[in-house]
Amino acid sequence: MSYYQTKNNISIEAEKYYSGIEDGFTKVDQSQCSFCQDSCQGCLNYRPYINTTHGKMVIHANDYIVYDYTGRRHVIGGRLFEQIFNNHLTKI
């Protein structure tokens, strides 16, 4: 996990998504699930997710998981995070 600091001295923790950090897998397309079971984690119709205060947030391959100061987790798209990192964050 990496630590970052904003120009306003707010510290955050963030890490790029990797397998195992998710809370589970959820179906995103049930139209072709004639053979699937609820535990087919390798199925293309399933996506990893984390539980947040806003409900389940689906994670994509390049997304970052950001931890706020209370320890709550949020999903931020990879491109957006890198733009913010390049303009507003310093790795500490």
C-alpha atoms as a PDB file:
ATOM      1  CA  MET A   1       0.000   0.000   0.000  1.00  0.00           C
ATOM      2  CA  SER A   2       1.215   3.487  -0.787  1.00  0.00           C
ATOM      3  CA  TYR A   3       0.658   6.688   1.135  1.00  0.00           C
ATOM      4  CA  TYR A   4      -0.018  10.025  -0.539  1.00  0.00           C
ATOM      5  CA  GLN A   5      -0.370  13.580   0.695  1.00  0.00           C
ATOM      6  CA  THR A   6      -2.396  16.357  -0.900  1.00  0.00           C
ATOM      7  CA  LYS A   7      -1.242  19.946  -1.127  1.00  0.00           C
ATOM      8  CA  ASN A   8      -3.600  20.612   1.821  1.00  0.00           C
ATOM      9  CA  ASN A   9      -1.667  18.073   3.952  1.00  0.00           C
ATOM     10  CA  ILE A  10      -4.420  15.449   3.851  1.00  0.00           C
ATOM     11  CA  SER A  11      -2.978  11.938   3.828  1.00  0.00           C
ATOM     12  CA  ILE A  12      -4.568   9.030   1.985  1.00  0.00           C
ATOM     13  CA  GLU A  13      -3.674   5.412   1.397  1.00  0.00           C
ATOM     14  CA  ALA A  14      -4.170   3.805  -1.995  1.00  0.00           C
ATOM     15  CA  GLU A  15      -3.298   0.664  -3.870  1.00  0.00           C
ATOM     16  CA  LYS A  16      -3.924  -0.596  -7.358  1.00  0.00           C
ATOM     17  CA  TYR A  17      -6.455  -3.421  -7.471  1.00  0.00           C
ATOM     18  CA  TYR A  18      -5.042  -6.938  -7.263  1.00  0.00           C
ATOM     19  CA  SER A  19      -6.776 -10.260  -6.902  1.00  0.00           C
ATOM     20  CA  GLY A  20      -7.592 -11.021  -3.284  1.00  0.00           C
ATOM     21  CA  ILE A  21      -8.344  -7.488  -2.106  1.00  0.00           C
ATOM     22  CA  GLU A  22     -12.006  -7.669  -3.178  1.00  0.00           C
ATOM     23  CA  ASP A  23     -14.876  -8.496  -0.823  1.00  0.00           C
ATOM     24  CA  GLY A  24     -16.468 -10.832  -3.343  1.00  0.00           C
ATOM     25  CA  PHE A  25     -17.740 -11.229  -6.881  1.00  0.00           C
ATOM     26  CA  THR A  26     -21.077 -10.117  -8.286  1.00  0.00           C
ATOM     27  CA  LYS A  27     -22.921 -10.947 -11.488  1.00  0.00           C
ATOM     28  CA  VAL A  28     -22.903  -8.104 -13.973  1.00  0.00           C
ATOM     29  CA  ASP A  29     -24.468  -9.923 -16.928  1.00  0.00           C
ATOM     30  CA  GLN A  30     -26.911 -12.731 -16.363  1.00  0.00           C
ATOM     31  CA  SER A  31     -28.001 -13.135 -19.987  1.00  0.00           C
ATOM     32  CA  GLN A  32     -25.534 -15.987 -20.622  1.00  0.00           C
ATOM     33  CA  CYS A  33     -25.528 -17.668 -17.221  1.00  0.00           C
ATOM     34  CA  SER A  34     -27.206 -20.967 -18.097  1.00  0.00           C
ATOM     35  CA  PHE A  35     -24.329 -22.983 -16.618  1.00  0.00           C
ATOM     36  CA  CYS A  36     -23.070 -20.621 -13.913  1.00  0.00           C
ATOM     37  CA  GLN A  37     -23.315 -21.112 -10.191  1.00  0.00           C
ATOM     38  CA  ASP A  38     -23.058 -18.329  -7.653  1.00  0.00           C
ATOM     39  CA  SER A  39     -19.447 -19.207  -6.946  1.00  0.00           C
ATOM     40  CA  CYS A  40     -17.987 -19.160 -10.489  1.00  0.00           C
ATOM     41  CA  GLN A  41     -15.367 -16.542  -9.794  1.00  0.00           C
ATOM     42  CA  GLY A  42     -13.611 -17.121 -13.123  1.00  0.00           C
ATOM     43  CA  CYS A  43     -16.778 -16.471 -15.124  1.00  0.00           C
ATOM     44  CA  LEU A  44     -16.671 -13.381 -17.342  1.00  0.00           C
ATOM     45  CA  ASN A  45     -20.139 -12.449 -16.093  1.00  0.00           C
ATOM     46  CA  TYR A  46     -18.748 -11.892 -12.590  1.00  0.00           C
ATOM     47  CA  ARG A  47     -16.764  -8.851 -11.473  1.00  0.00           C
ATOM     48  CA  PRO A  48     -14.922  -8.209  -8.217  1.00  0.00           C
ATOM     49  CA  TYR A  49     -16.388  -5.654  -5.830  1.00  0.00           C
ATOM     50  CA  ILE A  50     -15.759  -3.994  -2.488  1.00  0.00           C
ATOM     51  CA  ASN A  51     -18.396  -2.968   0.005  1.00  0.00           C
ATOM     52  CA  THR A  52     -18.543   0.778   0.598  1.00  0.00           C
ATOM     53  CA  THR A  53     -20.882   3.150   2.381  1.00  0.00           C
ATOM     54  CA  HIS A  54     -22.533   3.584  -1.040  1.00  0.00           C
ATOM     55  CA  GLY A  55     -23.078  -0.157  -1.518  1.00  0.00           C
ATOM     56  CA  LYS A  56     -21.170  -2.589  -3.721  1.00  0.00           C
ATOM     57  CA  MET A  57     -18.681  -0.921  -6.041  1.00  0.00           C
ATOM     58  CA  VAL A  58     -17.494  -3.042  -8.964  1.00  0.00           C
ATOM     59  CA  ILE A  59     -13.744  -2.999  -9.548  1.00  0.00           C
ATOM     60  CA  HIS A  60     -12.053  -3.011 -12.961  1.00  0.00           C
ATOM     61  CA  ALA A  61      -8.506  -4.157 -13.712  1.00  0.00           C
ATOM     62  CA  ASN A  62      -6.772  -0.743 -13.521  1.00  0.00           C
ATOM     63  CA  ASP A  63      -8.792   0.748 -10.654  1.00  0.00           C
ATOM     64  CA  TYR A  64      -7.328   1.963  -7.376  1.00  0.00           C
ATOM     65  CA  ILE A  65      -8.708   1.274  -3.935  1.00  0.00           C
ATOM     66  CA  VAL A  66      -8.408   4.429  -1.836  1.00  0.00           C
ATOM     67  CA  TYR A  67      -8.707   4.411   1.955  1.00  0.00           C
ATOM     68  CA  ASP A  68      -9.884   7.623   3.562  1.00  0.00           C
ATOM     69  CA  TYR A  69      -8.836   8.803   7.017  1.00  0.00           C
ATOM     70  CA  THR A  70     -11.625   6.758   8.653  1.00  0.00           C
ATOM     71  CA  GLY A  71     -10.517   3.550   6.920  1.00  0.00           C
ATOM     72  CA  ARG A  72     -13.449   3.462   4.509  1.00  0.00           C
ATOM     73  CA  ARG A  73     -12.633   2.247   1.018  1.00  0.00           C
ATOM     74  CA  HIS A  74     -13.530   3.801  -2.323  1.00  0.00           C
ATOM     75  CA  VAL A  75     -12.914   2.752  -5.924  1.00  0.00           C
ATOM     76  CA  ILE A  76     -11.322   5.287  -8.267  1.00  0.00           C
ATOM     77  CA  GLY A  77     -10.640   4.593 -11.933  1.00  0.00           C
ATOM     78  CA  GLY A  78      -6.978   4.184 -12.826  1.00  0.00           C
ATOM     79  CA  ARG A  79      -6.790   7.092 -15.279  1.00  0.00           C
ATOM     80  CA  LEU A  80      -8.564   9.462 -12.908  1.00  0.00           C
ATOM     81  CA  PHE A  81      -6.356   8.473  -9.974  1.00  0.00           C
ATOM     82  CA  GLU A  82      -3.188   8.922 -12.034  1.00  0.00           C
ATOM     83  CA  GLN A  83      -4.351  12.358 -13.205  1.00  0.00           C
ATOM     84  CA  ILE A  84      -5.027  13.374  -9.611  1.00  0.00           C
ATOM     85  CA  PHE A  85      -1.715  11.856  -8.496  1.00  0.00           C
ATOM     86  CA  ASN A  86       0.238  13.726 -11.161  1.00  0.00           C
ATOM     87  CA  ASN A  87      -1.394  17.068 -10.341  1.00  0.00           C
ATOM     88  CA  HIS A  88      -2.267  17.058  -6.658  1.00  0.00           C
ATOM     89  CA  LEU A  89      -0.626  14.235  -4.716  1.00  0.00           C
ATOM     90  CA  THR A  90       2.838  13.541  -3.421  1.00  0.00           C
ATOM     91  CA  LYS A  91       3.873   9.986  -2.607  1.00  0.00           C
ATOM     92  CA  ILE A  92       5.207   9.806   0.973  1.00  0.00           C
END
